[in-house]
Amino acid sequence: MREMARVIGKQNGKSKVRIIRSSACSKCDEKCILGEQSHEIEEMDVLVNDPIGAELGSMVELEMGAKPILLSAFMVYLLPLIAIIAGYFAGANFLLFITSTGETAGIIGSVIAFLFSFALIKAFDKKAGSKNSFHPEIRRVVKKDGFYYDN
Protein backbone atom coordinates (compact mmCIF):
# COMPACT_ATOMS: atom_id res chain seq x y z
CA MET A 1 0.00 0.00 0.00
CA ARG A 2 1.37 3.40 -0.97
CA GLU A 3 0.21 6.83 0.13
CA MET A 4 1.43 10.38 -0.31
CA ALA A 5 1.97 12.56 2.76
CA ARG A 6 3.66 15.77 3.94
CA VAL A 7 6.20 15.74 6.78
CA ILE A 8 4.93 18.07 9.52
CA GLY A 9 7.15 17.11 12.46
CA LYS A 10 9.98 14.95 13.83
CA GLN A 11 10.06 12.74 16.96
CA ASN A 12 12.77 10.29 18.08
CA GLY A 13 13.94 9.31 14.58
CA LYS A 14 10.40 9.10 13.28
CA SER A 15 8.46 11.62 11.25
CA LYS A 16 4.96 12.91 11.85
CA VAL A 17 3.19 13.12 8.51
CA ARG A 18 -0.17 14.41 7.34
CA ILE A 19 -1.94 12.03 4.99
CA ILE A 20 -4.84 13.24 2.90
CA ARG A 21 -7.35 10.41 3.08
CA SER A 22 -9.78 10.26 0.24
CA SER A 23 -12.17 7.74 -1.20
CA ALA A 24 -12.31 6.62 -4.82
CA CYS A 25 -15.32 8.93 -5.17
CA SER A 26 -13.23 11.99 -4.28
CA LYS A 27 -11.66 11.93 -7.75
CA CYS A 28 -15.07 11.81 -9.42
CA ASP A 29 -16.62 14.98 -10.88
CA GLU A 30 -20.14 13.65 -10.43
CA LYS A 31 -21.79 14.18 -7.07
CA CYS A 32 -23.95 11.09 -7.24
CA ILE A 33 -26.18 9.63 -4.56
CA LEU A 34 -23.89 6.57 -4.25
CA GLY A 35 -21.00 8.64 -2.92
CA GLU A 36 -23.06 10.70 -0.46
CA GLN A 37 -20.56 11.86 2.19
CA SER A 38 -17.54 10.02 0.74
CA HIS A 39 -16.73 12.96 -1.56
CA GLU A 40 -15.22 14.71 1.42
CA ILE A 41 -11.46 14.57 1.95
CA GLU A 42 -10.07 14.17 5.46
CA GLU A 43 -6.57 14.69 6.78
CA MET A 44 -4.93 12.33 9.23
CA ASP A 45 -1.69 12.83 11.19
CA VAL A 46 0.42 9.68 11.70
CA LEU A 47 3.83 8.93 13.22
CA VAL A 48 5.80 6.81 10.73
CA ASN A 49 9.24 5.21 10.45
CA ASP A 50 11.72 7.47 8.66
CA PRO A 51 14.86 5.57 7.56
CA ILE A 52 15.83 8.18 4.95
CA GLY A 53 15.58 11.27 7.18
CA ALA A 54 13.04 13.33 5.23
CA GLU A 55 13.02 17.05 5.95
CA LEU A 56 10.11 19.05 7.33
CA GLY A 57 7.68 20.17 4.63
CA SER A 58 8.72 17.47 2.15
CA MET A 59 6.12 15.45 0.25
CA VAL A 60 6.95 11.79 0.78
CA GLU A 61 5.73 8.42 -0.36
CA LEU A 62 4.73 6.05 2.44
CA GLU A 63 4.67 2.30 2.04
CA MET A 64 3.45 -0.55 4.19
CA GLY A 65 3.89 -4.23 3.40
CA ALA A 66 1.01 -6.43 2.30
CA LYS A 67 1.44 -9.00 5.09
CA PRO A 68 0.58 -6.64 8.00
CA ILE A 69 -2.38 -5.23 6.08
CA LEU A 70 -3.78 -8.66 5.28
CA LEU A 71 -3.25 -9.92 8.82
CA SER A 72 -4.95 -6.84 10.27
CA ALA A 73 -7.88 -7.18 7.85
CA PHE A 74 -8.27 -10.84 8.81
CA MET A 75 -8.28 -10.01 12.51
CA VAL A 76 -10.79 -7.18 12.21
CA TYR A 77 -13.19 -8.57 9.60
CA LEU A 78 -12.97 -12.36 9.60
CA LEU A 79 -12.08 -13.28 13.20
CA PRO A 80 -15.42 -12.06 14.66
CA LEU A 81 -17.34 -13.89 11.92
CA ILE A 82 -15.43 -17.12 12.53
CA ALA A 83 -15.92 -16.67 16.28
CA ILE A 84 -19.70 -16.34 15.86
CA ILE A 85 -19.93 -19.52 13.78
CA ALA A 86 -17.54 -21.55 15.96
CA GLY A 87 -19.20 -20.20 19.11
CA TYR A 88 -22.61 -21.34 17.89
CA PHE A 89 -21.48 -24.93 17.33
CA ALA A 90 -19.43 -25.03 20.54
CA GLY A 91 -22.34 -23.59 22.52
CA ALA A 92 -24.85 -26.00 20.99
CA ASN A 93 -22.66 -28.93 22.02
CA PHE A 94 -21.19 -27.82 25.36
CA LEU A 95 -23.63 -25.34 26.91
CA LEU A 96 -26.73 -27.54 27.01
CA PHE A 97 -26.66 -27.48 30.81
CA ILE A 98 -27.63 -23.76 30.72
CA THR A 99 -30.77 -24.15 28.63
CA SER A 100 -33.00 -26.92 27.38
CA THR A 101 -32.55 -26.26 23.65
CA GLY A 102 -29.40 -26.52 21.58
CA GLU A 103 -30.31 -23.44 19.56
CA THR A 104 -30.41 -21.16 22.59
CA ALA A 105 -27.15 -22.65 23.84
CA GLY A 106 -25.64 -22.01 20.39
CA ILE A 107 -26.73 -18.37 20.46
CA ILE A 108 -25.23 -17.93 23.93
CA GLY A 109 -22.00 -19.55 22.68
CA SER A 110 -21.97 -17.19 19.67
CA VAL A 111 -22.31 -14.11 21.86
CA ILE A 112 -19.55 -15.29 24.22
CA ALA A 113 -17.19 -16.11 21.32
CA PHE A 114 -18.00 -12.80 19.60
CA LEU A 115 -17.08 -10.83 22.72
CA PHE A 116 -13.96 -12.95 23.17
CA SER A 117 -12.93 -12.11 19.58
CA PHE A 118 -12.93 -8.41 20.52
CA ALA A 119 -10.58 -9.17 23.41
CA LEU A 120 -8.28 -10.97 20.95
CA ILE A 121 -8.43 -8.02 18.53
CA LYS A 122 -7.55 -5.60 21.33
CA ALA A 123 -4.57 -7.77 22.34
CA PHE A 124 -3.49 -8.03 18.69
CA ASP A 125 -3.74 -4.25 18.30
CA LYS A 126 -1.55 -3.65 21.34
CA LYS A 127 1.08 -6.17 20.17
CA ALA A 128 1.02 -5.02 16.53
CA GLY A 129 1.29 -1.37 17.56
CA SER A 130 4.65 -2.06 19.18
CA LYS A 131 6.10 -3.75 16.06
CA ASN A 132 7.74 -1.65 13.35
CA SER A 133 6.41 -3.87 10.56
CA PHE A 134 2.88 -2.65 11.31
CA HIS A 135 3.84 1.01 10.85
CA PRO A 136 4.10 2.75 7.47
CA GLU A 137 7.59 3.76 6.38
CA ILE A 138 8.82 6.66 4.28
CA ARG A 139 10.26 5.18 1.09
CA ARG A 140 11.23 8.30 -0.85
CA VAL A 141 10.92 12.05 -0.99
CA VAL A 142 8.75 13.07 -3.91
CA LYS A 143 8.73 16.84 -3.59
CA LYS A 144 11.01 19.16 -1.64
CA ASP A 145 10.90 22.97 -1.79
CA GLY A 146 8.58 22.90 -4.81
CA PHE A 147 10.78 20.62 -6.95
CA TYR A 148 9.85 17.05 -7.88
CA TYR A 149 12.58 14.45 -7.93
CA ASP A 150 13.01 10.72 -7.62
CA ASN A 151 15.57 8.90 -5.45
C-alpha atoms as a PDB file:
ATOM      1  CA  MET A   1       0.000   0.000   0.000  1.00  0.00           C
ATOM      2  CA  ARG A   2       1.370   3.401  -0.969  1.00  0.00           C
ATOM      3  CA  GLU A   3       0.209   6.832   0.133  1.00  0.00           C
ATOM      4  CA  MET A   4       1.426  10.377  -0.305  1.00  0.00           C
ATOM      5  CA  ALA A   5       1.972  12.564   2.758  1.00  0.00           C
ATOM      6  CA  ARG A   6       3.656  15.768   3.940  1.00  0.00           C
ATOM      7  CA  VAL A   7       6.199  15.741   6.784  1.00  0.00           C
ATOM      8  CA  ILE A   8       4.926  18.074   9.521  1.00  0.00           C
ATOM      9  CA  GLY A   9       7.154  17.106  12.464  1.00  0.00           C
ATOM     10  CA  LYS A  10       9.984  14.954  13.832  1.00  0.00           C
ATOM     11  CA  GLN A  11      10.056  12.741  16.962  1.00  0.00           C
ATOM     12  CA  ASN A  12      12.768  10.290  18.079  1.00  0.00           C
ATOM     13  CA  GLY A  13      13.942   9.311  14.582  1.00  0.00           C
ATOM     14  CA  LYS A  14      10.397   9.099  13.283  1.00  0.00           C
ATOM     15  CA  SER A  15       8.455  11.622  11.255  1.00  0.00           C
ATOM     16  CA  LYS A  16       4.963  12.907  11.855  1.00  0.00           C
ATOM     17  CA  VAL A  17       3.189  13.119   8.507  1.00  0.00           C
ATOM     18  CA  ARG A  18      -0.174  14.415   7.342  1.00  0.00           C
ATOM     19  CA  ILE A  19      -1.942  12.027   4.989  1.00  0.00           C
ATOM     20  CA  ILE A  20      -4.841  13.240   2.901  1.00  0.00           C
ATOM     21  CA  ARG A  21      -7.350  10.410   3.077  1.00  0.00           C
ATOM     22  CA  SER A  22      -9.780  10.258   0.237  1.00  0.00           C
ATOM     23  CA  SER A  23     -12.169   7.737  -1.198  1.00  0.00           C
ATOM     24  CA  ALA A  24     -12.311   6.622  -4.816  1.00  0.00           C
ATOM     25  CA  CYS A  25     -15.320   8.925  -5.166  1.00  0.00           C
ATOM     26  CA  SER A  26     -13.231  11.992  -4.285  1.00  0.00           C
ATOM     27  CA  LYS A  27     -11.656  11.927  -7.750  1.00  0.00           C
ATOM     28  CA  CYS A  28     -15.070  11.814  -9.423  1.00  0.00           C
ATOM     29  CA  ASP A  29     -16.619  14.978 -10.880  1.00  0.00           C
ATOM     30  CA  GLU A  30     -20.143  13.650 -10.434  1.00  0.00           C
ATOM     31  CA  LYS A  31     -21.787  14.179  -7.072  1.00  0.00           C
ATOM     32  CA  CYS A  32     -23.951  11.087  -7.242  1.00  0.00           C
ATOM     33  CA  ILE A  33     -26.175   9.629  -4.560  1.00  0.00           C
ATOM     34  CA  LEU A  34     -23.892   6.566  -4.248  1.00  0.00           C
ATOM     35  CA  GLY A  35     -20.998   8.636  -2.920  1.00  0.00           C
ATOM     36  CA  GLU A  36     -23.056  10.702  -0.461  1.00  0.00           C
ATOM     37  CA  GLN A  37     -20.563  11.859   2.192  1.00  0.00           C
ATOM     38  CA  SER A  38     -17.538  10.021   0.739  1.00  0.00           C
ATOM     39  CA  HIS A  39     -16.731  12.958  -1.565  1.00  0.00           C
ATOM     40  CA  GLU A  40     -15.215  14.706   1.424  1.00  0.00           C
ATOM     41  CA  ILE A  41     -11.464  14.571   1.954  1.00  0.00           C
ATOM     42  CA  GLU A  42     -10.071  14.169   5.459  1.00  0.00           C
ATOM     43  CA  GLU A  43      -6.571  14.686   6.782  1.00  0.00           C
ATOM     44  CA  MET A  44      -4.926  12.330   9.232  1.00  0.00           C
ATOM     45  CA  ASP A  45      -1.689  12.827  11.194  1.00  0.00           C
ATOM     46  CA  VAL A  46       0.422   9.678  11.700  1.00  0.00           C
ATOM     47  CA  LEU A  47       3.828   8.929  13.224  1.00  0.00           C
ATOM     48  CA  VAL A  48       5.804   6.809  10.725  1.00  0.00           C
ATOM     49  CA  ASN A  49       9.240   5.210  10.452  1.00  0.00           C
ATOM     50  CA  ASP A  50      11.722   7.466   8.659  1.00  0.00           C
ATOM     51  CA  PRO A  51      14.859   5.567   7.565  1.00  0.00           C
ATOM     52  CA  ILE A  52      15.826   8.184   4.949  1.00  0.00           C
ATOM     53  CA  GLY A  53      15.576  11.267   7.179  1.00  0.00           C
ATOM     54  CA  ALA A  54      13.041  13.326   5.226  1.00  0.00           C
ATOM     55  CA  GLU A  55      13.019  17.050   5.954  1.00  0.00           C
ATOM     56  CA  LEU A  56      10.114  19.048   7.334  1.00  0.00           C
ATOM     57  CA  GLY A  57       7.676  20.167   4.633  1.00  0.00           C
ATOM     58  CA  SER A  58       8.719  17.467   2.150  1.00  0.00           C
ATOM     59  CA  MET A  59       6.125  15.452   0.254  1.00  0.00           C
ATOM     60  CA  VAL A  60       6.952  11.794   0.777  1.00  0.00           C
ATOM     61  CA  GLU A  61       5.732   8.418  -0.363  1.00  0.00           C
ATOM     62  CA  LEU A  62       4.735   6.048   2.440  1.00  0.00           C
ATOM     63  CA  GLU A  63       4.666   2.299   2.039  1.00  0.00           C
ATOM     64  CA  MET A  64       3.449  -0.550   4.188  1.00  0.00           C
ATOM     65  CA  GLY A  65       3.886  -4.228   3.403  1.00  0.00           C
ATOM     66  CA  ALA A  66       1.006  -6.433   2.297  1.00  0.00           C
ATOM     67  CA  LYS A  67       1.440  -8.997   5.086  1.00  0.00           C
ATOM     68  CA  PRO A  68       0.583  -6.639   8.000  1.00  0.00           C
ATOM     69  CA  ILE A  69      -2.382  -5.226   6.078  1.00  0.00           C
ATOM     70  CA  LEU A  70      -3.778  -8.661   5.278  1.00  0.00           C
ATOM     71  CA  LEU A  71      -3.246  -9.921   8.821  1.00  0.00           C
ATOM     72  CA  SER A  72      -4.953  -6.845  10.268  1.00  0.00           C
ATOM     73  CA  ALA A  73      -7.878  -7.177   7.848  1.00  0.00           C
ATOM     74  CA  PHE A  74      -8.269 -10.843   8.807  1.00  0.00           C
ATOM     75  CA  MET A  75      -8.278 -10.014  12.506  1.00  0.00           C
ATOM     76  CA  VAL A  76     -10.787  -7.177  12.209  1.00  0.00           C
ATOM     77  CA  TYR A  77     -13.191  -8.568   9.602  1.00  0.00           C
ATOM     78  CA  LEU A  78     -12.966 -12.358   9.603  1.00  0.00           C
ATOM     79  CA  LEU A  79     -12.084 -13.283  13.198  1.00  0.00           C
ATOM     80  CA  PRO A  80     -15.415 -12.058  14.656  1.00  0.00           C
ATOM     81  CA  LEU A  81     -17.337 -13.889  11.923  1.00  0.00           C
ATOM     82  CA  ILE A  82     -15.429 -17.117  12.527  1.00  0.00           C
ATOM     83  CA  ALA A  83     -15.920 -16.672  16.279  1.00  0.00           C
ATOM     84  CA  ILE A  84     -19.699 -16.339  15.858  1.00  0.00           C
ATOM     85  CA  ILE A  85     -19.925 -19.516  13.781  1.00  0.00           C
ATOM     86  CA  ALA A  86     -17.542 -21.549  15.956  1.00  0.00           C
ATOM     87  CA  GLY A  87     -19.198 -20.201  19.110  1.00  0.00           C
ATOM     88  CA  TYR A  88     -22.607 -21.345  17.890  1.00  0.00           C
ATOM     89  CA  PHE A  89     -21.485 -24.930  17.335  1.00  0.00           C
ATOM     90  CA  ALA A  90     -19.432 -25.026  20.540  1.00  0.00           C
ATOM     91  CA  GLY A  91     -22.340 -23.590  22.521  1.00  0.00           C
ATOM     92  CA  ALA A  92     -24.852 -25.997  20.985  1.00  0.00           C
ATOM     93  CA  ASN A  93     -22.658 -28.930  22.023  1.00  0.00           C
ATOM     94  CA  PHE A  94     -21.185 -27.821  25.355  1.00  0.00           C
ATOM     95  CA  LEU A  95     -23.634 -25.340  26.912  1.00  0.00           C
ATOM     96  CA  LEU A  96     -26.727 -27.537  27.006  1.00  0.00           C
ATOM     97  CA  PHE A  97     -26.660 -27.477  30.813  1.00  0.00           C
ATOM     98  CA  ILE A  98     -27.633 -23.757  30.720  1.00  0.00           C
ATOM     99  CA  THR A  99     -30.766 -24.151  28.633  1.00  0.00           C
ATOM    100  CA  SER A 100     -33.003 -26.916  27.385  1.00  0.00           C
ATOM    101  CA  THR A 101     -32.554 -26.258  23.646  1.00  0.00           C
ATOM    102  CA  GLY A 102     -29.399 -26.520  21.580  1.00  0.00           C
ATOM    103  CA  GLU A 103     -30.314 -23.438  19.558  1.00  0.00           C
ATOM    104  CA  THR A 104     -30.407 -21.158  22.593  1.00  0.00           C
ATOM    105  CA  ALA A 105     -27.153 -22.653  23.842  1.00  0.00           C
ATOM    106  CA  GLY A 106     -25.639 -22.013  20.391  1.00  0.00           C
ATOM    107  CA  ILE A 107     -26.730 -18.373  20.464  1.00  0.00           C
ATOM    108  CA  ILE A 108     -25.225 -17.931  23.931  1.00  0.00           C
ATOM    109  CA  GLY A 109     -22.003 -19.547  22.683  1.00  0.00           C
ATOM    110  CA  SER A 110     -21.968 -17.188  19.672  1.00  0.00           C
ATOM    111  CA  VAL A 111     -22.313 -14.111  21.863  1.00  0.00           C
ATOM    112  CA  ILE A 112     -19.555 -15.290  24.222  1.00  0.00           C
ATOM    113  CA  ALA A 113     -17.194 -16.114  21.320  1.00  0.00           C
ATOM    114  CA  PHE A 114     -18.000 -12.804  19.596  1.00  0.00           C
ATOM    115  CA  LEU A 115     -17.084 -10.831  22.721  1.00  0.00           C
ATOM    116  CA  PHE A 116     -13.955 -12.946  23.170  1.00  0.00           C
ATOM    117  CA  SER A 117     -12.928 -12.108  19.577  1.00  0.00           C
ATOM    118  CA  PHE A 118     -12.931  -8.412  20.521  1.00  0.00           C
ATOM    119  CA  ALA A 119     -10.584  -9.175  23.407  1.00  0.00           C
ATOM    120  CA  LEU A 120      -8.282 -10.974  20.946  1.00  0.00           C
ATOM    121  CA  ILE A 121      -8.433  -8.021  18.528  1.00  0.00           C
ATOM    122  CA  LYS A 122      -7.547  -5.598  21.327  1.00  0.00           C
ATOM    123  CA  ALA A 123      -4.568  -7.766  22.341  1.00  0.00           C
ATOM    124  CA  PHE A 124      -3.486  -8.029  18.690  1.00  0.00           C
ATOM    125  CA  ASP A 125      -3.740  -4.252  18.298  1.00  0.00           C
ATOM    126  CA  LYS A 126      -1.546  -3.652  21.338  1.00  0.00           C
ATOM    127  CA  LYS A 127       1.076  -6.173  20.169  1.00  0.00           C
ATOM    128  CA  ALA A 128       1.023  -5.021  16.525  1.00  0.00           C
ATOM    129  CA  GLY A 129       1.293  -1.372  17.558  1.00  0.00           C
ATOM    130  CA  SER A 130       4.654  -2.058  19.178  1.00  0.00           C
ATOM    131  CA  LYS A 131       6.104  -3.748  16.059  1.00  0.00           C
ATOM    132  CA  ASN A 132       7.736  -1.647  13.355  1.00  0.00           C
ATOM    133  CA  SER A 133       6.415  -3.871  10.555  1.00  0.00           C
ATOM    134  CA  PHE A 134       2.877  -2.654  11.309  1.00  0.00           C
ATOM    135  CA  HIS A 135       3.838   1.013  10.848  1.00  0.00           C
ATOM    136  CA  PRO A 136       4.104   2.749   7.473  1.00  0.00           C
ATOM    137  CA  GLU A 137       7.588   3.758   6.385  1.00  0.00           C
ATOM    138  CA  ILE A 138       8.821   6.663   4.283  1.00  0.00           C
ATOM    139  CA  ARG A 139      10.263   5.182   1.085  1.00  0.00           C
ATOM    140  CA  ARG A 140      11.233   8.297  -0.855  1.00  0.00           C
ATOM    141  CA  VAL A 141      10.922  12.049  -0.989  1.00  0.00           C
ATOM    142  CA  VAL A 142       8.751  13.072  -3.914  1.00  0.00           C
ATOM    143  CA  LYS A 143       8.726  16.844  -3.589  1.00  0.00           C
ATOM    144  CA  LYS A 144      11.013  19.158  -1.641  1.00  0.00           C
ATOM    145  CA  ASP A 145      10.901  22.970  -1.792  1.00  0.00           C
ATOM    146  CA  GLY A 146       8.580  22.896  -4.807  1.00  0.00           C
ATOM    147  CA  PHE A 147      10.782  20.622  -6.948  1.00  0.00           C
ATOM    148  CA  TYR A 148       9.855  17.052  -7.877  1.00  0.00           C
ATOM    149  CA  TYR A 149      12.579  14.451  -7.926  1.00  0.00           C
ATOM    150  CA  ASP A 150      13.007  10.716  -7.617  1.00  0.00           C
ATOM    151  CA  ASN A 151      15.569   8.896  -5.454  1.00  0.00           C
END
